[in-house]
PDB file of N, CA and C in Angstrom:
ATOM      1  N   UNK A   1       0.845  -1.177   0.000  1.00  0.00           N
ATOM      2  CA  UNK A   1       0.000   0.000   0.000  1.00  0.00           C
ATOM      3  C   UNK A   1       0.894   1.245   0.000  1.00  0.00           C
ATOM      4  N   UNK A   2       0.514   2.237  -0.789  1.00  0.00           N
ATOM      5  CA  UNK A   2       1.264   3.486  -0.856  1.00  0.00           C
ATOM      6  C   UNK A   2       0.843   4.423   0.263  1.00  0.00           C
ATOM      7  N   UNK A   3       1.829   5.061   0.866  1.00  0.00           N
ATOM      8  CA  UNK A   3       1.472   6.097   1.837  1.00  0.00           C
ATOM      9  C   UNK A   3       1.162   7.377   1.076  1.00  0.00           C
ATOM     10  N   UNK A   4       0.685   8.379   1.762  1.00  0.00           N
ATOM     11  CA  UNK A   4       0.269   9.626   1.117  1.00  0.00           C
ATOM     12  C   UNK A   4       1.418  10.285   0.364  1.00  0.00           C
ATOM     13  N   UNK A   5       2.607  10.267   0.930  1.00  0.00           N
ATOM     14  CA  UNK A   5       3.762  10.891   0.297  1.00  0.00           C
ATOM     15  C   UNK A   5       4.119  10.152  -0.999  1.00  0.00           C
ATOM     16  N   UNK A   6       4.121   8.828  -0.964  1.00  0.00           N
ATOM     17  CA  UNK A   6       4.437   8.031  -2.157  1.00  0.00           C
ATOM     18  C   UNK A   6       3.388   8.223  -3.240  1.00  0.00           C
ATOM     19  N   UNK A   7       2.142   8.256  -2.837  1.00  0.00           N
ATOM     20  CA  UNK A   7       1.058   8.468  -3.785  1.00  0.00           C
ATOM     21  C   UNK A   7       1.195   9.824  -4.456  1.00  0.00           C
ATOM     22  N   UNK A   8       1.493  10.841  -3.672  1.00  0.00           N
ATOM     23  CA  UNK A   8       1.675  12.190  -4.207  1.00  0.00           C
ATOM     24  C   UNK A   8       2.833  12.226  -5.200  1.00  0.00           C
ATOM     25  N   UNK A   9       3.944  11.564  -4.874  1.00  0.00           N
ATOM     26  CA  UNK A   9       5.092  11.518  -5.784  1.00  0.00           C
ATOM     27  C   UNK A   9       4.731  10.804  -7.084  1.00  0.00           C
ATOM     28  N   UNK A  10       3.978   9.722  -6.983  1.00  0.00           N
ATOM     29  CA  UNK A  10       3.571   8.969  -8.164  1.00  0.00           C
ATOM     30  C   UNK A  10       2.679   9.806  -9.068  1.00  0.00           C
ATOM     31  N   UNK A  11       1.712  10.483  -8.486  1.00  0.00           N
ATOM     32  CA  UNK A  11       0.802  11.335  -9.262  1.00  0.00           C
ATOM     33  C   UNK A  11       1.567  12.469  -9.911  1.00  0.00           C
ATOM     34  N   UNK A  12       2.446  13.112  -9.164  1.00  0.00           N
ATOM     35  CA  UNK A  12       3.227  14.217  -9.726  1.00  0.00           C
ATOM     36  C   UNK A  12       4.147  13.743 -10.846  1.00  0.00           C
ATOM     37  N   UNK A  13       4.724  12.546 -10.704  1.00  0.00           N
ATOM     38  CA  UNK A  13       5.588  12.007 -11.755  1.00  0.00           C
ATOM     39  C   UNK A  13       4.782  11.760 -13.026  1.00  0.00           C
ATOM     40  N   UNK A  14       3.574  11.230 -12.884  1.00  0.00           N
ATOM     41  CA  UNK A  14       2.734  10.990 -14.065  1.00  0.00           C
ATOM     42  C   UNK A  14       2.343  12.297 -14.730  1.00  0.00           C
ATOM     43  N   UNK A  15       2.014  13.314 -13.943  1.00  0.00           N
ATOM     44  CA  UNK A  15       1.677  14.623 -14.521  1.00  0.00           C
ATOM     45  C   UNK A  15       2.883  15.196 -15.252  1.00  0.00           C
ATOM     46  N   UNK A  16       4.048  15.090 -14.652  1.00  0.00           N
ATOM     47  CA  UNK A  16       5.281  15.615 -15.253  1.00  0.00           C
ATOM     48  C   UNK A  16       5.575  14.888 -16.562  1.00  0.00           C
ATOM     49  N   UNK A  17       5.439  13.569 -16.561  1.00  0.00           N
ATOM     50  CA  UNK A  17       5.694  12.795 -17.772  1.00  0.00           C
ATOM     51  C   UNK A  17       4.724  13.166 -18.876  1.00  0.00           C
ATOM     52  N   UNK A  18       3.476  13.410 -18.518  1.00  0.00           N
ATOM     53  CA  UNK A  18       2.458  13.759 -19.497  1.00  0.00           C
ATOM     54  C   UNK A  18       2.733  15.121 -20.115  1.00  0.00           C
ATOM     55  N   UNK A  19       3.267  16.055 -19.348  1.00  0.00           N
ATOM     56  CA  UNK A  19       3.502  17.396 -19.881  1.00  0.00           C
ATOM     57  C   UNK A  19       4.777  17.459 -20.711  1.00  0.00           C
ATOM     58  N   UNK A  20       5.744  16.595 -20.460  1.00  0.00           N
ATOM     59  CA  UNK A  20       6.998  16.633 -21.206  1.00  0.00           C
ATOM     60  C   UNK A  20       6.870  16.012 -22.591  1.00  0.00           C
ATOM     61  N   UNK A  21       6.293  14.847 -22.676  1.00  0.00           N
ATOM     62  CA  UNK A  21       6.220  14.122 -23.931  1.00  0.00           C
ATOM     63  C   UNK A  21       4.766  13.774 -24.216  1.00  0.00           C
ATOM     64  N   UNK A  22       4.218  14.316 -25.303  1.00  0.00           N
ATOM     65  CA  UNK A  22       2.821  13.985 -25.599  1.00  0.00           C
ATOM     66  C   UNK A  22       2.680  12.511 -25.968  1.00  0.00           C
ATOM     67  N   UNK A  23       1.567  11.943 -25.598  1.00  0.00           N
ATOM     68  CA  UNK A  23       1.279  10.563 -25.969  1.00  0.00           C
ATOM     69  C   UNK A  23       1.014  10.499 -27.461  1.00  0.00           C
ATOM     70  N   UNK A  24       1.183   9.321 -28.072  1.00  0.00           N
ATOM     71  CA  UNK A  24       1.049   9.226 -29.542  1.00  0.00           C
ATOM     72  C   UNK A  24      -0.256   9.792 -30.092  1.00  0.00           C
ATOM     73  N   UNK A  25      -1.387   9.484 -29.472  1.00  0.00           N
ATOM     74  CA  UNK A  25      -2.662   9.992 -29.979  1.00  0.00           C
ATOM     75  C   UNK A  25      -2.708  11.513 -29.905  1.00  0.00           C
ATOM     76  N   UNK A  26      -2.276  12.070 -28.778  1.00  0.00           N
ATOM     77  CA  UNK A  26      -2.280  13.529 -28.620  1.00  0.00           C
ATOM     78  C   UNK A  26      -1.368  14.176 -29.650  1.00  0.00           C
ATOM     79  N   UNK A  27      -0.232  13.566 -29.922  1.00  0.00           N
ATOM     80  CA  UNK A  27       0.705  14.100 -30.907  1.00  0.00           C
ATOM     81  C   UNK A  27       0.084  14.063 -32.306  1.00  0.00           C
ATOM     82  N   UNK A  28      -0.567  12.956 -32.654  1.00  0.00           N
ATOM     83  CA  UNK A  28      -1.197  12.836 -33.971  1.00  0.00           C
ATOM     84  C   UNK A  28      -2.300  13.870 -34.155  1.00  0.00           C
ATOM     85  N   UNK A  29      -3.099  14.083 -33.126  1.00  0.00           N
ATOM     86  CA  UNK A  29      -4.165  15.087 -33.206  1.00  0.00           C
ATOM     87  C   UNK A  29      -3.559  16.472 -33.383  1.00  0.00           C
ATOM     88  N   UNK A  30      -2.523  16.781 -32.610  1.00  0.00           N
ATOM     89  CA  UNK A  30      -1.883  18.099 -32.708  1.00  0.00           C
ATOM     90  C   UNK A  30      -1.316  18.319 -34.101  1.00  0.00           C
ATOM     91  N   UNK A  31      -0.627  17.333 -34.648  1.00  0.00           N
ATOM     92  CA  UNK A  31      -0.045  17.474 -35.991  1.00  0.00           C
ATOM     93  C   UNK A  31      -1.148  17.597 -37.025  1.00  0.00           C
ATOM     94  N   UNK A  32      -2.187  16.810 -36.878  1.00  0.00           N
ATOM     95  CA  UNK A  32      -3.281  16.838 -37.841  1.00  0.00           C
ATOM     96  C   UNK A  32      -4.002  18.174 -37.858  1.00  0.00           C
ATOM     97  N   UNK A  33      -4.209  18.753 -36.686  1.00  0.00           N
ATOM     98  CA  UNK A  33      -4.986  19.995 -36.618  1.00  0.00           C
ATOM     99  C   UNK A  33      -4.132  21.259 -36.631  1.00  0.00           C
ATOM    100  N   UNK A  34      -2.863  21.159 -36.257  1.00  0.00           N
ATOM    101  CA  UNK A  34      -2.032  22.361 -36.166  1.00  0.00           C
ATOM    102  C   UNK A  34      -0.821  22.345 -37.092  1.00  0.00           C
ATOM    103  N   UNK A  35      -0.461  21.197 -37.611  1.00  0.00           N
ATOM    104  CA  UNK A  35       0.744  21.097 -38.419  1.00  0.00           C
ATOM    105  C   UNK A  35       1.951  20.805 -37.539  1.00  0.00           C
ATOM    106  N   UNK A  36       3.102  20.749 -38.167  1.00  0.00           N
ATOM    107  CA  UNK A  36       4.317  20.409 -37.421  1.00  0.00           C
ATOM    108  C   UNK A  36       4.812  21.542 -36.530  1.00  0.00           C
ATOM    109  N   UNK A  37       4.543  22.769 -36.925  1.00  0.00           N
ATOM    110  CA  UNK A  37       4.971  23.920 -36.120  1.00  0.00           C
ATOM    111  C   UNK A  37       3.752  24.471 -35.386  1.00  0.00           C
ATOM    112  N   UNK A  38       3.669  24.175 -34.102  1.00  0.00           N
ATOM    113  CA  UNK A  38       2.527  24.606 -33.312  1.00  0.00           C
ATOM    114  C   UNK A  38       2.683  26.087 -32.974  1.00  0.00           C
ATOM    115  N   UNK A  39       1.712  26.911 -33.365  1.00  0.00           N
ATOM    116  CA  UNK A  39       1.804  28.346 -33.081  1.00  0.00           C
ATOM    117  C   UNK A  39       1.685  28.612 -31.580  1.00  0.00           C
ATOM    118  N   UNK A  40       2.343  29.653 -31.119  1.00  0.00           N
ATOM    119  CA  UNK A  40       2.309  29.997 -29.698  1.00  0.00           C
ATOM    120  C   UNK A  40       0.992  30.660 -29.308  1.00  0.00           C
ATOM    121  N   UNK A  41       0.385  31.378 -30.239  1.00  0.00           N
ATOM    122  CA  UNK A  41      -0.877  32.044 -29.937  1.00  0.00           C
ATOM    123  C   UNK A  41      -1.884  31.713 -31.032  1.00  0.00           C
ATOM    124  N   UNK A  42      -3.124  31.875 -30.736  1.00  0.00           N
ATOM    125  CA  UNK A  42      -4.205  31.682 -31.692  1.00  0.00           C
ATOM    126  C   UNK A  42      -4.281  30.240 -32.208  1.00  0.00           C
ATOM    127  N   UNK A  43      -3.748  29.285 -31.453  1.00  0.00           N
ATOM    128  CA  UNK A  43      -3.745  27.907 -31.918  1.00  0.00           C
ATOM    129  C   UNK A  43      -5.145  27.306 -31.919  1.00  0.00           C
ATOM    130  N   UNK A  44      -6.030  27.783 -31.039  1.00  0.00           N
ATOM    131  CA  UNK A  44      -7.382  27.229 -30.990  1.00  0.00           C
ATOM    132  C   UNK A  44      -8.139  27.507 -32.290  1.00  0.00           C
ATOM    133  N   UNK A  45      -8.040  28.746 -32.793  1.00  0.00           N
ATOM    134  CA  UNK A  45      -8.711  29.106 -34.043  1.00  0.00           C
ATOM    135  C   UNK A  45      -8.155  28.302 -35.210  1.00  0.00           C
ATOM    136  N   UNK A  46      -6.843  28.157 -35.245  1.00  0.00           N
ATOM    137  CA  UNK A  46      -6.208  27.395 -36.326  1.00  0.00           C
ATOM    138  C   UNK A  46      -6.642  25.930 -36.276  1.00  0.00           C
ATOM    139  N   UNK A  47      -6.676  25.343 -35.081  1.00  0.00           N
ATOM    140  CA  UNK A  47      -7.085  23.950 -34.940  1.00  0.00           C
ATOM    141  C   UNK A  47      -8.542  23.774 -35.376  1.00  0.00           C
ATOM    142  N   UNK A  48      -9.402  24.695 -34.982  1.00  0.00           N
ATOM    143  CA  UNK A  48     -10.811  24.604 -35.359  1.00  0.00           C
ATOM    144  C   UNK A  48     -10.984  24.735 -36.869  1.00  0.00           C
ATOM    145  N   UNK A  49     -10.257  25.664 -37.483  1.00  0.00           N
ATOM    146  CA  UNK A  49     -10.325  25.827 -38.935  1.00  0.00           C
ATOM    147  C   UNK A  49      -9.889  24.555 -39.655  1.00  0.00           C
ATOM    148  N   UNK A  50      -8.800  23.944 -39.197  1.00  0.00           N
ATOM    149  CA  UNK A  50      -8.330  22.704 -39.816  1.00  0.00           C
ATOM    150  C   UNK A  50      -9.324  21.567 -39.607  1.00  0.00           C
ATOM    151  N   UNK A  51      -9.952  21.513 -38.442  1.00  0.00           N
ATOM    152  CA  UNK A  51     -10.972  20.498 -38.186  1.00  0.00           C
ATOM    153  C   UNK A  51     -12.150  20.680 -39.143  1.00  0.00           C
ATOM    154  N   UNK A  52     -12.577  21.923 -39.342  1.00  0.00           N
ATOM    155  CA  UNK A  52     -13.679  22.202 -40.270  1.00  0.00           C
ATOM    156  C   UNK A  52     -13.304  21.800 -41.694  1.00  0.00           C
ATOM    157  N   UNK A  53     -12.065  22.063 -42.104  1.00  0.00           N
ATOM    158  CA  UNK A  53     -11.603  21.671 -43.432  1.00  0.00           C
ATOM    159  C   UNK A  53     -11.607  20.152 -43.591  1.00  0.00           C
ATOM    160  N   UNK A  54     -11.142  19.450 -42.571  1.00  0.00           N
ATOM    161  CA  UNK A  54     -11.109  17.989 -42.621  1.00  0.00           C
ATOM    162  C   UNK A  54     -12.524  17.410 -42.672  1.00  0.00           C
ATOM    163  N   UNK A  55     -13.436  17.998 -41.928  1.00  0.00           N
ATOM    164  CA  UNK A  55     -14.832  17.545 -41.970  1.00  0.00           C
ATOM    165  C   UNK A  55     -15.428  17.764 -43.348  1.00  0.00           C
ATOM    166  N   UNK A  56     -15.190  18.939 -43.934  1.00  0.00           N
ATOM    167  CA  UNK A  56     -15.707  19.232 -45.273  1.00  0.00           C
ATOM    168  C   UNK A  56     -15.158  18.239 -46.291  1.00  0.00           C
ATOM    169  N   UNK A  57     -13.887  17.914 -46.195  1.00  0.00           N
ATOM    170  CA  UNK A  57     -13.275  16.937 -47.100  1.00  0.00           C
ATOM    171  C   UNK A  57     -13.948  15.575 -46.954  1.00  0.00           C
ATOM    172  N   UNK A  58     -14.118  15.128 -45.718  1.00  0.00           N
ATOM    173  CA  UNK A  58     -14.729  13.814 -45.495  1.00  0.00           C
ATOM    174  C   UNK A  58     -16.170  13.762 -45.991  1.00  0.00           C
ATOM    175  N   UNK A  59     -16.886  14.859 -45.865  1.00  0.00           N
ATOM    176  CA  UNK A  59     -18.290  14.897 -46.294  1.00  0.00           C
ATOM    177  C   UNK A  59     -18.396  15.027 -47.806  1.00  0.00           C
ATOM    178  N   UNK A  60     -17.711  16.014 -48.385  1.00  0.00           N
ATOM    179  CA  UNK A  60     -17.900  16.345 -49.794  1.00  0.00           C
ATOM    180  C   UNK A  60     -17.063  15.498 -50.750  1.00  0.00           C
ATOM    181  N   UNK A  61     -15.896  15.064 -50.332  1.00  0.00           N
ATOM    182  CA  UNK A  61     -15.034  14.291 -51.225  1.00  0.00           C
ATOM    183  C   UNK A  61     -15.165  12.792 -50.964  1.00  0.00           C
ATOM    184  N   UNK A  62     -15.107  12.419 -49.697  1.00  0.00           N
ATOM    185  CA  UNK A  62     -15.128  10.992 -49.360  1.00  0.00           C
ATOM    186  C   UNK A  62     -16.543  10.429 -49.231  1.00  0.00           C
ATOM    187  N   UNK A  63     -17.557  11.303 -49.117  1.00  0.00           N
ATOM    188  CA  UNK A  63     -18.933  10.858 -49.118  1.00  0.00           C
ATOM    189  C   UNK A  63     -19.513  10.448 -47.772  1.00  0.00           C
ATOM    190  N   UNK A  64     -18.835  10.810 -46.699  1.00  0.00           N
ATOM    191  CA  UNK A  64     -19.408  10.518 -45.373  1.00  0.00           C
ATOM    192  C   UNK A  64     -20.633  11.386 -45.123  1.00  0.00           C
ATOM    193  N   UNK A  65     -21.564  10.872 -44.355  1.00  0.00           N
ATOM    194  CA  UNK A  65     -22.778  11.618 -44.038  1.00  0.00           C
ATOM    195  C   UNK A  65     -22.461  12.689 -42.998  1.00  0.00           C
ATOM    196  N   UNK A  66     -22.956  13.903 -43.236  1.00  0.00           N
ATOM    197  CA  UNK A  66     -22.773  14.994 -42.273  1.00  0.00           C
ATOM    198  C   UNK A  66     -23.692  14.770 -41.078  1.00  0.00           C
ATOM    199  N   UNK A  67     -23.279  15.275 -39.939  1.00  0.00           N
ATOM    200  CA  UNK A  67     -24.129  15.196 -38.750  1.00  0.00           C
ATOM    201  C   UNK A  67     -24.338  16.574 -38.191  1.00  0.00           C
ATOM    202  N   UNK A  68     -25.450  16.785 -37.524  1.00  0.00           N
ATOM    203  CA  UNK A  68     -25.785  18.089 -36.971  1.00  0.00           C
ATOM    204  C   UNK A  68     -25.621  18.058 -35.455  1.00  0.00           C
ATOM    205  N   UNK A  69     -25.211  19.177 -34.948  1.00  0.00           N
ATOM    206  CA  UNK A  69     -25.063  19.303 -33.488  1.00  0.00           C
ATOM    207  C   UNK A  69     -26.333  19.879 -32.920  1.00  0.00           C
TER     208      UNK A  69
END
């Protein structure tokens, strides 16, 4: 059984590891929506624009059915 101090160290180590190196899925999403050079500012707008472009491609070119929110 972990004591409180050990548990805290374990949780902090996992948080630190997560912030240093993105996991493969997170990295793929970032590259897909932002490109290889992630902008320091305004990245949310850029990611949303790229997501909208990808959705339009899948609907209009690949023939997937659009869905409504």
